[in-house]
N, C-alpha and C. Protein backbone atom coordinates (compact mmCIF):
# COMPACT_ATOMS: atom_id res chain seq x y z
N MET A 1 0.81 -1.17 -0.04
CA MET A 1 -0.01 0.01 0.03
C MET A 1 0.92 1.21 -0.01
N SER A 2 0.66 2.16 -0.98
CA SER A 2 1.56 3.35 -1.05
C SER A 2 1.16 4.29 0.00
N HIS A 3 2.03 5.30 0.27
CA HIS A 3 1.74 6.42 1.23
C HIS A 3 0.50 7.13 0.78
N GLN A 4 0.32 7.45 -0.42
CA GLN A 4 -0.87 8.22 -0.88
C GLN A 4 -2.15 7.42 -0.71
N GLU A 5 -2.07 6.06 -0.99
CA GLU A 5 -3.19 5.25 -0.86
C GLU A 5 -3.69 5.17 0.62
N THR A 6 -2.68 5.11 1.55
CA THR A 6 -2.89 4.98 2.95
C THR A 6 -3.52 6.39 3.43
N TYR A 7 -2.96 7.39 3.01
CA TYR A 7 -3.42 8.77 3.40
C TYR A 7 -4.90 8.93 2.88
N ASP A 8 -5.18 8.58 1.65
CA ASP A 8 -6.57 8.70 1.11
C ASP A 8 -7.59 7.94 1.86
N LEU A 9 -7.18 6.59 2.23
CA LEU A 9 -8.11 5.76 3.03
C LEU A 9 -8.31 6.32 4.36
N CYS A 10 -7.34 6.79 5.01
CA CYS A 10 -7.45 7.40 6.33
C CYS A 10 -8.38 8.58 6.32
N CYS A 11 -8.19 9.44 5.28
CA CYS A 11 -9.16 10.62 5.09
C CYS A 11 -10.58 10.16 4.85
N LYS A 12 -10.71 9.11 4.04
CA LYS A 12 -12.07 8.57 3.66
C LYS A 12 -12.72 8.00 4.98
N TYR A 13 -11.99 7.39 5.84
CA TYR A 13 -12.55 6.75 7.09
C TYR A 13 -12.44 7.68 8.29
N HIS A 14 -12.04 8.98 8.16
CA HIS A 14 -12.01 9.85 9.25
C HIS A 14 -13.29 9.86 10.06
N GLY A 15 -13.19 9.74 11.36
CA GLY A 15 -14.45 9.68 12.19
C GLY A 15 -15.14 8.32 12.36
N LYS A 16 -14.65 7.39 11.56
CA LYS A 16 -15.15 6.02 11.54
C LYS A 16 -14.28 5.12 12.38
N ARG A 17 -14.87 4.06 12.88
CA ARG A 17 -14.18 3.00 13.58
C ARG A 17 -13.44 2.09 12.63
N VAL A 18 -12.15 1.95 12.77
CA VAL A 18 -11.30 1.13 11.85
C VAL A 18 -10.49 0.16 12.59
N ARG A 19 -9.89 -0.73 11.78
CA ARG A 19 -8.85 -1.70 12.27
C ARG A 19 -7.64 -1.41 11.43
N ILE A 20 -6.46 -1.10 12.11
CA ILE A 20 -5.28 -0.75 11.38
C ILE A 20 -4.14 -1.72 11.82
N ASN A 21 -3.52 -2.31 10.76
CA ASN A 21 -2.38 -3.23 11.02
C ASN A 21 -1.08 -2.47 10.73
N ASP A 22 -0.09 -2.65 11.56
CA ASP A 22 1.15 -1.91 11.30
C ASP A 22 2.29 -2.89 10.86
N ASN A 23 3.41 -2.37 10.54
CA ASN A 23 4.54 -3.16 10.05
C ASN A 23 5.19 -3.99 11.14
N LYS A 24 4.81 -3.80 12.39
CA LYS A 24 5.37 -4.54 13.51
C LYS A 24 4.39 -5.64 13.94
N GLY A 25 3.33 -5.82 13.27
CA GLY A 25 2.36 -6.81 13.65
C GLY A 25 1.29 -6.43 14.59
N ASN A 26 1.31 -5.15 14.95
CA ASN A 26 0.25 -4.65 15.91
C ASN A 26 -1.07 -4.40 15.28
N VAL A 27 -2.15 -4.58 15.95
CA VAL A 27 -3.44 -4.27 15.45
C VAL A 27 -4.06 -3.19 16.34
N HIS A 28 -4.49 -2.10 15.68
CA HIS A 28 -5.07 -0.97 16.43
C HIS A 28 -6.52 -0.94 16.02
N VAL A 29 -7.38 -0.83 16.97
CA VAL A 29 -8.89 -0.66 16.65
C VAL A 29 -9.37 0.52 17.46
N GLY A 30 -10.07 1.44 16.64
CA GLY A 30 -10.60 2.60 17.27
C GLY A 30 -11.12 3.54 16.18
N ARG A 31 -11.36 4.74 16.61
CA ARG A 31 -11.98 5.78 15.72
C ARG A 31 -10.92 6.75 15.31
N ILE A 32 -10.78 7.02 13.95
CA ILE A 32 -9.83 7.97 13.52
C ILE A 32 -10.26 9.31 13.87
N THR A 33 -9.43 10.09 14.53
CA THR A 33 -9.77 11.45 15.04
C THR A 33 -9.10 12.52 14.29
N LYS A 34 -7.98 12.20 13.63
CA LYS A 34 -7.21 13.23 12.86
C LYS A 34 -6.27 12.54 11.90
N VAL A 35 -6.03 13.20 10.73
CA VAL A 35 -5.15 12.71 9.71
C VAL A 35 -4.33 13.88 9.18
N ASP A 36 -3.00 13.65 9.01
CA ASP A 36 -2.22 14.65 8.31
C ASP A 36 -1.33 13.94 7.41
N ASN A 37 -0.36 14.58 6.63
CA ASN A 37 0.43 13.88 5.68
C ASN A 37 1.49 12.97 6.17
N ARG A 38 1.63 12.88 7.53
CA ARG A 38 2.54 11.90 8.12
C ARG A 38 1.92 10.87 9.09
N MET A 39 0.82 11.31 9.74
CA MET A 39 0.32 10.43 10.85
C MET A 39 -1.16 10.40 10.86
N VAL A 40 -1.71 9.32 11.37
CA VAL A 40 -3.15 9.19 11.62
C VAL A 40 -3.30 8.99 13.06
N TRP A 41 -4.27 9.68 13.67
CA TRP A 41 -4.56 9.55 15.19
C TRP A 41 -5.81 8.73 15.32
N ILE A 42 -5.72 7.82 16.26
CA ILE A 42 -6.76 6.96 16.56
C ILE A 42 -7.11 6.93 18.05
N MET A 43 -8.42 7.00 18.34
CA MET A 43 -8.93 6.96 19.68
C MET A 43 -9.22 5.42 19.93
N PRO A 44 -8.50 4.76 20.79
CA PRO A 44 -8.64 3.27 20.88
C PRO A 44 -9.92 2.89 21.52
N ASP A 45 -10.40 1.63 21.22
CA ASP A 45 -11.48 1.01 21.88
C ASP A 45 -11.18 0.34 23.11
N ARG A 46 -9.88 -0.07 23.34
CA ARG A 46 -9.46 -0.90 24.45
C ARG A 46 -9.84 -0.41 25.75
N ALA A 47 -10.14 -1.34 26.62
CA ALA A 47 -10.53 -0.96 28.05
C ALA A 47 -9.40 -0.12 28.63
N GLY A 48 -9.86 0.84 29.43
CA GLY A 48 -8.94 1.75 30.11
C GLY A 48 -8.68 3.05 29.34
N TYR A 49 -9.12 3.11 28.01
CA TYR A 49 -8.89 4.28 27.36
C TYR A 49 -10.29 5.01 27.14
N GLY A 50 -11.23 4.43 26.55
CA GLY A 50 -12.59 4.91 26.38
C GLY A 50 -12.92 6.34 26.66
N ILE A 51 -13.93 6.65 27.32
CA ILE A 51 -14.30 8.01 27.69
C ILE A 51 -13.28 8.55 28.63
N GLY A 52 -12.82 9.86 28.34
CA GLY A 52 -11.90 10.51 29.21
C GLY A 52 -10.52 10.32 28.79
N PHE A 53 -10.15 9.47 27.77
CA PHE A 53 -8.81 9.32 27.39
C PHE A 53 -8.58 10.50 26.39
N TRP A 54 -7.62 11.38 26.79
CA TRP A 54 -7.39 12.51 25.95
C TRP A 54 -6.04 12.50 25.15
N GLY A 55 -5.49 11.35 25.03
CA GLY A 55 -4.21 11.28 24.26
C GLY A 55 -3.07 11.72 25.09
N PHE A 56 -1.91 11.87 24.35
CA PHE A 56 -0.71 12.20 25.03
C PHE A 56 -0.51 13.76 24.72
N GLY A 57 -0.07 14.42 25.77
CA GLY A 57 0.12 15.89 25.70
C GLY A 57 1.34 16.21 24.84
N GLY A 58 1.19 17.34 24.18
CA GLY A 58 2.42 17.85 23.38
C GLY A 58 2.86 16.90 22.27
N GLY A 59 3.94 17.31 21.59
CA GLY A 59 4.45 16.50 20.53
C GLY A 59 3.47 16.14 19.47
N TYR A 60 3.48 14.96 19.01
CA TYR A 60 2.58 14.54 17.84
C TYR A 60 1.17 14.30 18.33
N GLY A 61 0.93 13.75 19.50
CA GLY A 61 -0.34 13.40 19.99
C GLY A 61 -1.00 14.53 20.74
N ALA A 62 -1.60 15.46 20.11
CA ALA A 62 -2.21 16.57 20.77
C ALA A 62 -3.41 16.05 21.62
N PRO A 63 -3.70 16.66 22.83
CA PRO A 63 -4.80 16.19 23.63
C PRO A 63 -6.07 16.07 22.86
N GLY A 64 -6.81 15.00 23.12
CA GLY A 64 -8.03 14.78 22.44
C GLY A 64 -8.06 13.96 21.14
N PHE A 65 -6.88 13.66 20.63
CA PHE A 65 -6.72 12.95 19.40
C PHE A 65 -6.49 11.45 19.59
N GLY A 66 -6.17 11.00 20.76
CA GLY A 66 -5.80 9.67 20.95
C GLY A 66 -4.28 9.44 20.82
N TYR A 67 -3.84 8.50 20.02
CA TYR A 67 -2.45 8.42 19.77
C TYR A 67 -2.10 8.25 18.26
N GLY A 68 -0.97 8.58 17.87
CA GLY A 68 -0.58 8.66 16.47
C GLY A 68 0.09 7.36 16.00
N ILE A 69 -0.15 7.12 14.70
CA ILE A 69 0.49 6.02 13.90
C ILE A 69 1.01 6.59 12.64
N ALA A 70 2.35 6.37 12.49
CA ALA A 70 2.91 6.92 11.22
C ALA A 70 2.32 6.20 9.98
N LEU A 71 1.96 7.04 9.01
CA LEU A 71 1.39 6.47 7.76
C LEU A 71 2.27 5.50 7.15
N GLY A 72 3.57 5.67 7.19
CA GLY A 72 4.50 4.71 6.60
C GLY A 72 4.57 3.34 7.25
N ALA A 73 4.03 3.30 8.48
CA ALA A 73 4.10 2.01 9.22
C ALA A 73 2.79 1.26 9.04
N ILE A 74 1.77 1.79 8.38
CA ILE A 74 0.54 1.08 8.18
C ILE A 74 0.67 0.13 7.11
N THR A 75 0.29 -1.12 7.32
CA THR A 75 0.33 -2.15 6.17
C THR A 75 -1.14 -2.52 5.76
N GLY A 76 -2.10 -2.18 6.56
CA GLY A 76 -3.48 -2.42 6.21
C GLY A 76 -4.50 -1.62 7.05
N ILE A 77 -5.58 -1.30 6.43
CA ILE A 77 -6.66 -0.54 7.11
C ILE A 77 -7.97 -1.00 6.54
N ALA A 78 -8.92 -1.19 7.48
CA ALA A 78 -10.27 -1.57 7.07
C ALA A 78 -11.31 -0.99 8.09
N LEU A 79 -12.46 -0.80 7.56
CA LEU A 79 -13.56 -0.40 8.46
C LEU A 79 -13.77 -1.48 9.42
N ALA A 80 -13.96 -1.19 10.72
CA ALA A 80 -14.30 -2.18 11.68
C ALA A 80 -15.76 -2.20 12.00
N SER A 81 -16.34 -3.34 11.77
CA SER A 81 -17.82 -3.45 12.10
C SER A 81 -17.96 -3.71 13.57
N ILE A 82 -19.17 -3.72 14.06
CA ILE A 82 -19.42 -3.90 15.46
C ILE A 82 -18.92 -5.30 15.94
N PHE A 83 -18.91 -6.27 14.99
CA PHE A 83 -18.51 -7.61 15.29
C PHE A 83 -17.00 -7.83 15.07
N PHE A 84 -16.25 -6.82 14.70
CA PHE A 84 -14.82 -6.88 14.35
C PHE A 84 -14.01 -6.76 15.65
N TRP A 85 -13.44 -7.78 16.17
CA TRP A 85 -12.61 -7.71 17.41
C TRP A 85 -11.25 -8.15 16.98
């Protein structure tokens, strides 16, 4: 998946619940809250984050966006249905 394809998909799915696979084998499930030309921010579904998780302060993860994943590290992205765990 090219950088541009990844960026376009992230923009298309902005605000939606997705499942993202990265090049280290990690799976990230949550809602896309922000996209720029280098990173996508995701608010995770995992227990402990939910309501009240405001992300990491300063740097790349501005409060309220969750955490960032570099676009170059993404190997796959798909919409996550309610049954997608």
